[in-house]
């Protein structure tokens, strides 16, 4: 026992502990692609990969896989409308233009399914593609947001005014009924579109766009589907990941002056700075056992009730996937599941006796050593005080 931390050395440089009761079991997802999103609805945990594959389970143990009909599609998002799962992304296809010629284009699509054995597909409208004069079509669907019986899709619009002009892009919000007939509702950003991230909760949608050295955040009201507020994030040198935790929306940012920001956004669009000057790099979060849990690519931070990010430091991060890259975390079947690259799925477990349990550095070595150092220093100070007291007593007796 060393301080409050029960440390076991498994191999050189590997330090683990059960201080947080988070051990991890590696699940066999059956996929090798990089997971980009997961959802737990209708007693089914579903995760999608960037290369258009689906892994799902009804008990958290046995996983099944499913492929979409597009051999070269990319998936961006998945959601549940109360009756079926909705998947959006893009695929490449040969399209006949209005001038009679044809060409290969990237096109957005929606896929709908109840059981992941059969799918219904709705592709982007290609009637506006005309090589000689102009084209206007949706090349990618970034996210889907079912709300109040409506289907909301965030999409990239590619347009060109004439054959010699360069491409221009805009980020549009499309709205339709659950049948999938989509019409343009609003233009969110009519400029160069960089990396788009979308986070959703029960009150609305937070969209970020990082292009060049400037980024923007847009809060979309979930009832009116209007932009509640647009904020500028200057000096951006990295992505602006967005995620939901405990029905609250967050994003992280890094500026060119290496100023790190972790921000919570209210439904009104008001931004609250949660932490600055520390590069946590959070990419997702989940509310579990009355704790807010934030993860970056390799570590997690646990915040219990009344604890704040501003009171934490990098030493409080817990490493759980040092050799893999995690992308998101979700709660299902009374446990938490972490998903990442190369088909990585980790399930939380408190069963330390299982041979399948991976003690993936449940606490970082740096924190364990720090606590050990603090504990040792305390003992040293106590010992020094006792020696000083004894020396004082001996001196008095001599006198």
Protein backbone atom coordinates (compact mmCIF):
# COMPACT_ATOMS: atom_id res chain seq x y z
CA UNK A 1 0.00 0.00 0.00
CA UNK A 2 1.43 3.34 -1.01
CA UNK A 3 -0.58 6.29 0.18
CA UNK A 4 -4.15 5.86 -1.06
CA UNK A 5 -3.10 4.08 -4.22
CA UNK A 6 -2.79 0.32 -4.45
CA UNK A 7 -0.12 -0.08 -7.12
CA UNK A 8 0.78 -3.28 -8.97
CA UNK A 9 3.68 -3.36 -11.43
CA UNK A 10 2.90 -5.68 -14.35
CA UNK A 11 5.88 -4.81 -16.51
CA UNK A 12 8.57 -2.20 -16.77
CA UNK A 13 6.97 1.20 -17.21
CA UNK A 14 3.42 -0.08 -16.68
CA UNK A 15 1.66 0.93 -13.48
CA UNK A 16 -1.94 0.03 -12.78
CA UNK A 17 -4.36 0.42 -9.92
CA UNK A 18 -7.98 -0.18 -9.08
CA UNK A 19 -8.42 3.11 -7.27
CA UNK A 20 -11.26 4.17 -9.61
CA UNK A 21 -12.75 0.66 -9.99
CA UNK A 22 -12.48 0.98 -13.77
CA UNK A 23 -10.97 -2.10 -15.33
CA UNK A 24 -11.59 -2.72 -19.00
CA UNK A 25 -12.54 -5.73 -21.09
CA UNK A 26 -11.63 -5.66 -24.76
CA UNK A 27 -14.63 -6.67 -26.85
CA UNK A 28 -14.46 -8.38 -30.23
CA UNK A 29 -16.41 -6.02 -32.47
CA UNK A 30 -15.67 -7.95 -35.66
CA UNK A 31 -14.49 -4.79 -37.42
CA UNK A 32 -11.09 -3.23 -38.10
CA UNK A 33 -12.20 0.25 -39.15
CA UNK A 34 -12.10 3.43 -37.09
CA UNK A 35 -15.28 4.02 -35.10
CA UNK A 36 -16.76 7.50 -35.44
CA UNK A 37 -20.04 7.38 -33.48
CA UNK A 38 -22.12 5.14 -31.21
CA UNK A 39 -25.64 5.21 -29.81
CA UNK A 40 -27.62 3.15 -27.31
CA UNK A 41 -31.32 3.13 -28.10
CA UNK A 42 -34.13 0.58 -28.22
CA UNK A 43 -32.01 -1.81 -26.09
CA UNK A 44 -29.38 -1.91 -28.83
CA UNK A 45 -25.84 -0.52 -28.77
CA UNK A 46 -24.73 0.47 -32.28
CA UNK A 47 -21.41 1.86 -33.50
CA UNK A 48 -20.48 2.99 -37.00
CA UNK A 49 -17.07 3.22 -38.67
CA UNK A 50 -15.68 5.78 -41.08
CA UNK A 51 -15.50 3.16 -43.83
CA UNK A 52 -19.23 2.46 -43.76
CA UNK A 53 -19.49 -0.55 -41.44
CA UNK A 54 -21.87 -1.14 -38.54
CA UNK A 55 -21.33 -3.14 -35.34
CA UNK A 56 -24.23 -3.74 -32.96
CA UNK A 57 -25.12 -5.76 -29.88
CA UNK A 58 -28.29 -6.45 -27.89
CA UNK A 59 -26.56 -7.59 -24.71
CA UNK A 60 -23.13 -5.91 -24.65
CA UNK A 61 -21.42 -9.28 -25.14
CA UNK A 62 -22.08 -10.76 -28.59
CA UNK A 63 -21.51 -8.39 -31.51
CA UNK A 64 -22.87 -8.57 -35.03
CA UNK A 65 -21.81 -6.59 -38.08
CA UNK A 66 -23.63 -5.17 -41.07
CA UNK A 67 -22.58 -3.52 -44.32
CA UNK A 68 -24.41 -0.84 -46.26
CA UNK A 69 -25.08 -1.33 -49.95
CA UNK A 70 -22.52 1.30 -50.99
CA UNK A 71 -19.11 -0.37 -51.26
CA UNK A 72 -17.24 2.92 -50.93
CA UNK A 73 -19.39 4.88 -48.51
CA UNK A 74 -18.34 6.87 -45.46
CA UNK A 75 -20.50 7.17 -42.36
CA UNK A 76 -20.61 10.35 -40.28
CA UNK A 77 -23.48 10.05 -37.79
CA UNK A 78 -26.22 7.83 -36.37
CA UNK A 79 -29.38 8.68 -34.42
CA UNK A 80 -32.76 7.23 -33.37
CA UNK A 81 -36.10 8.85 -34.27
CA UNK A 82 -38.23 6.75 -31.91
CA UNK A 83 -39.00 4.08 -34.48
CA UNK A 84 -35.83 3.45 -36.46
CA UNK A 85 -32.12 4.19 -36.64
CA UNK A 86 -30.91 6.87 -39.04
CA UNK A 87 -27.42 6.81 -40.55
CA UNK A 88 -25.90 9.56 -42.70
CA UNK A 89 -22.71 9.95 -44.69
CA UNK A 90 -21.51 10.01 -48.28
CA UNK A 91 -20.66 7.70 -51.17
CA UNK A 92 -19.23 7.97 -54.67
CA UNK A 93 -21.30 7.29 -57.74
CA UNK A 94 -21.41 8.02 -61.46
CA UNK A 95 -24.03 10.68 -62.17
CA UNK A 96 -25.51 11.71 -65.50
CA UNK A 97 -25.43 15.47 -65.82
CA UNK A 98 -28.16 17.61 -67.33
CA UNK A 99 -25.99 18.21 -70.42
CA UNK A 100 -25.93 14.48 -71.21
CA UNK A 101 -22.40 13.81 -69.98
CA UNK A 102 -21.56 11.89 -66.81
CA UNK A 103 -18.95 11.96 -64.05
CA UNK A 104 -18.15 10.56 -60.62
CA UNK A 105 -19.33 12.59 -57.64
CA UNK A 106 -19.37 12.28 -53.88
CA UNK A 107 -22.99 12.39 -52.72
CA UNK A 108 -24.71 12.54 -49.35
CA UNK A 109 -27.17 9.86 -48.30
CA UNK A 110 -29.48 8.77 -45.48
CA UNK A 111 -30.02 5.15 -44.52
CA UNK A 112 -32.87 4.00 -42.28
CA UNK A 113 -33.18 0.65 -40.51
CA UNK A 114 -34.92 -1.05 -37.61
CA UNK A 115 -32.84 -4.19 -37.21
CA UNK A 116 -29.67 -3.63 -39.33
CA UNK A 117 -30.59 -6.52 -41.61
CA UNK A 118 -32.54 -4.41 -44.11
CA UNK A 119 -32.04 -0.75 -44.99
CA UNK A 120 -33.93 1.98 -46.82
CA UNK A 121 -31.82 4.54 -48.65
CA UNK A 122 -32.41 8.15 -49.61
CA UNK A 123 -29.72 9.74 -51.78
CA UNK A 124 -28.95 13.39 -52.44
CA UNK A 125 -30.77 15.12 -55.29
CA UNK A 126 -28.50 15.15 -58.35
CA UNK A 127 -30.84 16.99 -60.74
CA UNK A 128 -28.90 20.22 -60.31
CA UNK A 129 -25.58 18.93 -61.64
CA UNK A 130 -24.71 20.64 -64.92
CA UNK A 131 -21.08 20.71 -66.00
CA UNK A 132 -21.41 23.50 -68.57
CA UNK A 133 -23.24 26.10 -66.52
CA UNK A 134 -23.49 25.42 -62.83
CA UNK A 135 -24.03 22.69 -60.31
CA UNK A 136 -25.56 22.66 -56.89
CA UNK A 137 -25.70 19.41 -54.95
CA UNK A 138 -24.99 17.94 -51.52
CA UNK A 139 -21.75 15.99 -51.36
CA UNK A 140 -21.82 14.99 -47.70
CA UNK A 141 -24.32 14.66 -44.88
CA UNK A 142 -22.51 15.41 -41.62
CA UNK A 143 -25.21 14.78 -39.04
CA UNK A 144 -28.87 13.88 -38.61
CA UNK A 145 -31.12 15.32 -35.90
CA UNK A 146 -34.66 13.93 -35.52
CA UNK A 147 -36.84 16.38 -33.59
CA UNK A 148 -40.59 17.02 -33.26
CA UNK A 149 -41.46 14.62 -36.07
CA UNK A 150 -38.97 16.30 -38.42
CA UNK A 151 -35.76 15.09 -39.96
CA UNK A 152 -32.93 17.65 -39.84
CA UNK A 153 -29.73 17.02 -41.78
CA UNK A 154 -26.57 19.15 -41.82
CA UNK A 155 -24.98 18.95 -45.27
CA UNK A 156 -22.18 20.33 -47.43
CA UNK A 157 -23.49 22.12 -50.52
CA UNK A 158 -21.10 22.29 -53.47
CA UNK A 159 -21.80 24.88 -56.13
CA UNK A 160 -20.12 26.50 -59.13
CA UNK A 161 -21.35 29.49 -61.09
CA UNK A 162 -19.77 28.57 -64.43
CA UNK A 163 -17.50 25.99 -66.00
CA UNK A 164 -14.31 27.98 -65.42
CA UNK A 165 -14.93 28.98 -61.80
CA UNK A 166 -13.59 27.13 -58.78
CA UNK A 167 -15.78 25.22 -56.39
CA UNK A 168 -17.47 26.95 -53.50
CA UNK A 169 -19.05 25.29 -50.49
CA UNK A 170 -21.63 26.12 -47.86
CA UNK A 171 -22.99 24.36 -44.80
CA UNK A 172 -26.76 24.00 -45.14
CA UNK A 173 -29.47 22.78 -42.81
CA UNK A 174 -32.01 20.56 -44.57
CA UNK A 175 -35.41 19.77 -43.05
CA UNK A 176 -38.00 17.20 -44.08
CA UNK A 177 -40.49 14.72 -42.75
CA UNK A 178 -39.56 11.24 -41.56
CA UNK A 179 -40.09 10.03 -45.11
CA UNK A 180 -36.82 11.71 -45.97
CA UNK A 181 -37.93 14.42 -48.44
CA UNK A 182 -35.41 17.14 -47.57
CA UNK A 183 -35.51 20.82 -48.47
CA UNK A 184 -33.09 23.61 -47.67
CA UNK A 185 -34.14 25.30 -44.45
CA UNK A 186 -31.20 27.61 -43.77
CA UNK A 187 -27.59 28.32 -44.76
CA UNK A 188 -25.48 28.07 -41.63
CA UNK A 189 -22.16 29.09 -43.17
CA UNK A 190 -21.71 30.44 -46.71
CA UNK A 191 -17.94 30.34 -47.01
CA UNK A 192 -15.10 27.84 -47.19
CA UNK A 193 -16.06 24.82 -45.13
CA UNK A 194 -13.26 23.23 -43.15
CA UNK A 195 -13.72 20.45 -40.61
CA UNK A 196 -17.28 20.23 -39.33
CA UNK A 197 -18.24 18.77 -35.96
CA UNK A 198 -21.81 18.44 -34.68
CA UNK A 199 -23.03 17.83 -31.13
CA UNK A 200 -26.67 17.26 -30.21
CA UNK A 201 -28.75 17.31 -27.05
CA UNK A 202 -32.45 17.59 -26.20
CA UNK A 203 -32.46 21.36 -26.65
CA UNK A 204 -30.53 21.89 -29.84
CA UNK A 205 -27.44 21.39 -31.94
CA UNK A 206 -23.93 22.82 -31.63
CA UNK A 207 -22.00 23.03 -34.91
CA UNK A 208 -18.34 24.02 -35.26
CA UNK A 209 -16.43 24.89 -38.42
CA UNK A 210 -12.64 25.28 -38.31
CA UNK A 211 -11.25 26.74 -41.52
CA UNK A 212 -7.86 28.39 -41.77
CA UNK A 213 -6.92 30.18 -38.57
CA UNK A 214 -10.52 31.04 -37.65
CA UNK A 215 -13.28 28.86 -36.32
CA UNK A 216 -16.98 29.43 -35.72
CA UNK A 217 -19.54 27.89 -33.40
CA UNK A 218 -23.26 27.90 -34.15
CA UNK A 219 -25.96 27.07 -31.63
CA UNK A 220 -29.13 25.85 -33.39
CA UNK A 221 -32.37 26.07 -31.39
CA UNK A 222 -34.00 22.65 -31.33
CA UNK A 223 -37.55 24.03 -31.52
CA UNK A 224 -37.34 26.82 -34.08
CA UNK A 225 -34.36 25.35 -35.99
CA UNK A 226 -32.93 28.84 -36.17
CA UNK A 227 -29.38 29.89 -35.33
CA UNK A 228 -29.52 31.01 -31.71
CA UNK A 229 -26.02 32.48 -31.83
CA UNK A 230 -22.84 32.48 -33.87
CA UNK A 231 -19.50 32.91 -32.15
CA UNK A 232 -16.05 33.38 -33.63
CA UNK A 233 -13.07 31.40 -32.30
CA UNK A 234 -9.91 33.14 -33.49
CA UNK A 235 -6.42 31.77 -33.94
CA UNK A 236 -7.45 28.12 -34.37
CA UNK A 237 -4.67 25.64 -35.14
CA UNK A 238 -6.60 22.43 -34.55
CA UNK A 239 -10.01 20.81 -34.85
CA UNK A 240 -13.01 21.90 -32.81
CA UNK A 241 -14.49 18.62 -31.50
CA UNK A 242 -18.05 18.87 -30.15
CA UNK A 243 -19.82 16.45 -27.84
CA UNK A 244 -22.66 16.04 -25.34
CA UNK A 245 -22.39 15.04 -21.68
CA UNK A 246 -25.33 15.03 -19.23
CA UNK A 247 -27.41 16.76 -21.92
CA UNK A 248 -24.92 19.65 -22.04
CA UNK A 249 -22.83 20.58 -25.08
CA UNK A 250 -19.06 21.17 -25.07
CA UNK A 251 -16.24 21.88 -27.48
CA UNK A 252 -12.45 22.08 -27.21
CA UNK A 253 -10.10 24.40 -29.06
CA UNK A 254 -6.41 25.22 -29.42
CA UNK A 255 -5.27 28.64 -30.65
CA UNK A 256 -2.10 29.54 -32.53
CA UNK A 257 -0.68 30.94 -29.29
CA UNK A 258 -1.20 27.49 -27.69
CA UNK A 259 -4.08 28.68 -25.58
CA UNK A 260 -6.19 25.68 -24.72
CA UNK A 261 -9.90 26.10 -24.12
CA UNK A 262 -12.59 23.73 -22.92
CA UNK A 263 -15.97 25.41 -23.36
CA UNK A 264 -19.59 24.63 -22.45
CA UNK A 265 -22.28 26.18 -24.64
CA UNK A 266 -25.75 27.02 -23.31
CA UNK A 267 -28.88 26.66 -25.47
CA UNK A 268 -28.83 30.43 -26.00
CA UNK A 269 -25.36 30.20 -27.49
CA UNK A 270 -23.65 31.69 -24.45
CA UNK A 271 -20.21 30.15 -24.00
CA UNK A 272 -18.82 29.31 -20.57
CA UNK A 273 -15.09 28.72 -20.25
CA UNK A 274 -14.62 25.55 -18.19
CA UNK A 275 -10.83 25.32 -18.40
CA UNK A 276 -7.95 27.12 -20.06
CA UNK A 277 -4.17 26.75 -20.47
CA UNK A 278 -4.37 22.94 -20.08
CA UNK A 279 -4.36 20.72 -23.15
CA UNK A 280 -6.93 18.12 -22.11
CA UNK A 281 -7.89 17.43 -25.73
CA UNK A 282 -11.33 16.08 -24.82
CA UNK A 283 -13.26 14.47 -27.68
CA UNK A 284 -16.32 13.00 -25.92
CA UNK A 285 -18.09 12.58 -22.61
CA UNK A 286 -20.68 10.53 -20.77
CA UNK A 287 -22.67 10.81 -17.53
CA UNK A 288 -22.29 7.60 -15.51
CA UNK A 289 -22.81 6.73 -11.83
CA UNK A 290 -23.43 10.40 -10.99
CA UNK A 291 -20.10 11.32 -12.55
CA UNK A 292 -19.23 13.30 -15.66
CA UNK A 293 -16.55 11.41 -17.57
CA UNK A 294 -14.58 13.16 -20.32
CA UNK A 295 -12.13 11.33 -22.59
CA UNK A 296 -9.34 12.32 -24.94
CA UNK A 297 -7.64 9.90 -27.31
CA UNK A 298 -5.96 7.89 -24.53
CA UNK A 299 -7.19 9.08 -21.12
CA UNK A 300 -10.27 10.02 -19.15
CA UNK A 301 -11.13 12.53 -16.45
CA UNK A 302 -13.75 11.68 -13.83
CA UNK A 303 -15.68 14.54 -12.25
CA UNK A 304 -17.83 13.66 -9.28
CA UNK A 305 -20.71 15.78 -8.01
CA UNK A 306 -19.62 19.35 -7.18
CA UNK A 307 -16.19 18.85 -8.81
CA UNK A 308 -15.10 21.20 -11.61
CA UNK A 309 -12.67 20.87 -14.49
CA UNK A 310 -11.02 24.12 -13.40
CA UNK A 311 -9.90 22.41 -10.17
CA UNK A 312 -8.22 19.53 -12.02
CA UNK A 313 -4.83 19.09 -13.68
CA UNK A 314 -3.17 16.71 -16.14
CA UNK A 315 -2.17 14.50 -13.20
CA UNK A 316 -5.86 13.69 -12.69
CA UNK A 317 -6.18 12.07 -16.12
CA UNK A 318 -6.55 8.30 -16.09
CA UNK A 319 -4.95 6.35 -18.94
CA UNK A 320 -7.11 3.59 -20.39
CA UNK A 321 -5.93 3.11 -23.97
CA UNK A 322 -2.25 4.10 -24.29
CA UNK A 323 -1.70 2.07 -27.48
CA UNK A 324 -4.98 2.90 -29.21
CA UNK A 325 -6.89 6.03 -30.09
CA UNK A 326 -10.32 6.48 -28.51
CA UNK A 327 -12.91 8.59 -30.29
CA UNK A 328 -16.04 8.43 -28.15
CA UNK A 329 -17.63 6.89 -25.09
CA UNK A 330 -21.21 5.94 -24.30
CA UNK A 331 -23.34 4.26 -21.62
CA UNK A 332 -25.18 0.99 -22.32
CA UNK A 333 -26.37 -2.06 -20.37
CA UNK A 334 -25.41 -0.39 -17.07
CA UNK A 335 -21.76 -0.04 -18.12
CA UNK A 336 -19.67 2.31 -20.22
CA UNK A 337 -18.16 1.46 -23.60
CA UNK A 338 -15.19 3.24 -25.17
CA UNK A 339 -14.74 3.06 -28.96
CA UNK A 340 -11.71 3.92 -31.04
CA UNK A 341 -9.58 3.08 -34.03
CA UNK A 342 -8.90 -0.35 -35.56
CA UNK A 343 -12.17 -1.76 -34.23
CA UNK A 344 -11.35 -0.97 -30.59
CA UNK A 345 -14.21 -1.53 -28.13
CA UNK A 346 -13.55 -1.46 -24.38
CA UNK A 347 -16.23 -2.28 -21.83
CA UNK A 348 -15.93 -1.16 -18.23
CA UNK A 349 -15.77 -3.86 -15.58
CA UNK A 350 -15.16 -4.11 -11.86
CA UNK A 351 -14.27 -7.80 -12.13
CA UNK A 352 -10.54 -7.87 -11.59
CA UNK A 353 -10.37 -11.66 -11.50
CA UNK A 354 -11.40 -12.19 -15.13
CA UNK A 355 -8.54 -13.22 -17.40
CA UNK A 356 -10.09 -11.10 -20.13
CA UNK A 357 -9.89 -7.96 -18.03
CA UNK A 358 -7.33 -5.53 -19.37
CA UNK A 359 -5.75 -3.37 -16.70
CA UNK A 360 -4.84 -0.70 -19.23
CA UNK A 361 -3.03 1.61 -16.83
CA UNK A 362 -6.25 2.44 -14.98
CA UNK A 363 -4.33 5.25 -13.41
CA UNK A 364 -1.33 6.94 -14.97
CA UNK A 365 2.10 6.20 -13.64
CA UNK A 366 2.82 9.89 -13.27
CA UNK A 367 -0.08 10.35 -10.87
CA UNK A 368 0.82 7.26 -8.87
CA UNK A 369 4.42 8.43 -8.56
CA UNK A 370 3.27 11.92 -7.64
CA UNK A 371 1.07 10.57 -4.85
CA UNK A 372 3.90 8.32 -3.71
CA UNK A 373 6.25 11.31 -3.63
CA UNK A 374 3.77 13.38 -1.62
CA UNK A 375 3.25 10.50 0.81
CA UNK A 376 7.01 9.95 1.15
CA UNK A 377 7.61 13.66 1.73
CA UNK A 378 4.98 13.66 4.46
CA UNK A 379 6.68 10.73 6.19
CA UNK A 380 10.05 12.44 5.81
CA UNK A 381 8.70 15.66 7.35
CA UNK A 382 7.22 13.70 10.26
CA UNK A 383 10.48 11.82 10.77
CA UNK A 384 12.50 15.04 10.58
CA UNK A 385 10.21 16.63 13.18
CA UNK A 386 10.62 13.65 15.52
CA UNK A 387 14.42 13.70 15.11
CA UNK A 388 14.45 17.42 15.81
CA UNK A 389 12.31 16.89 18.92
CA UNK A 390 14.60 14.10 20.15
CA UNK A 391 17.71 16.20 19.50
CA UNK A 392 16.16 19.08 21.45
CA UNK A 393 15.46 16.74 24.38
CA UNK A 394 19.00 15.36 24.39
CA UNK A 395 20.43 18.89 24.33
CA UNK A 396 18.34 19.93 27.33
CA UNK A 397 19.42 16.86 29.33
CA UNK A 398 23.07 17.61 28.58
CA UNK A 399 22.70 21.17 29.70
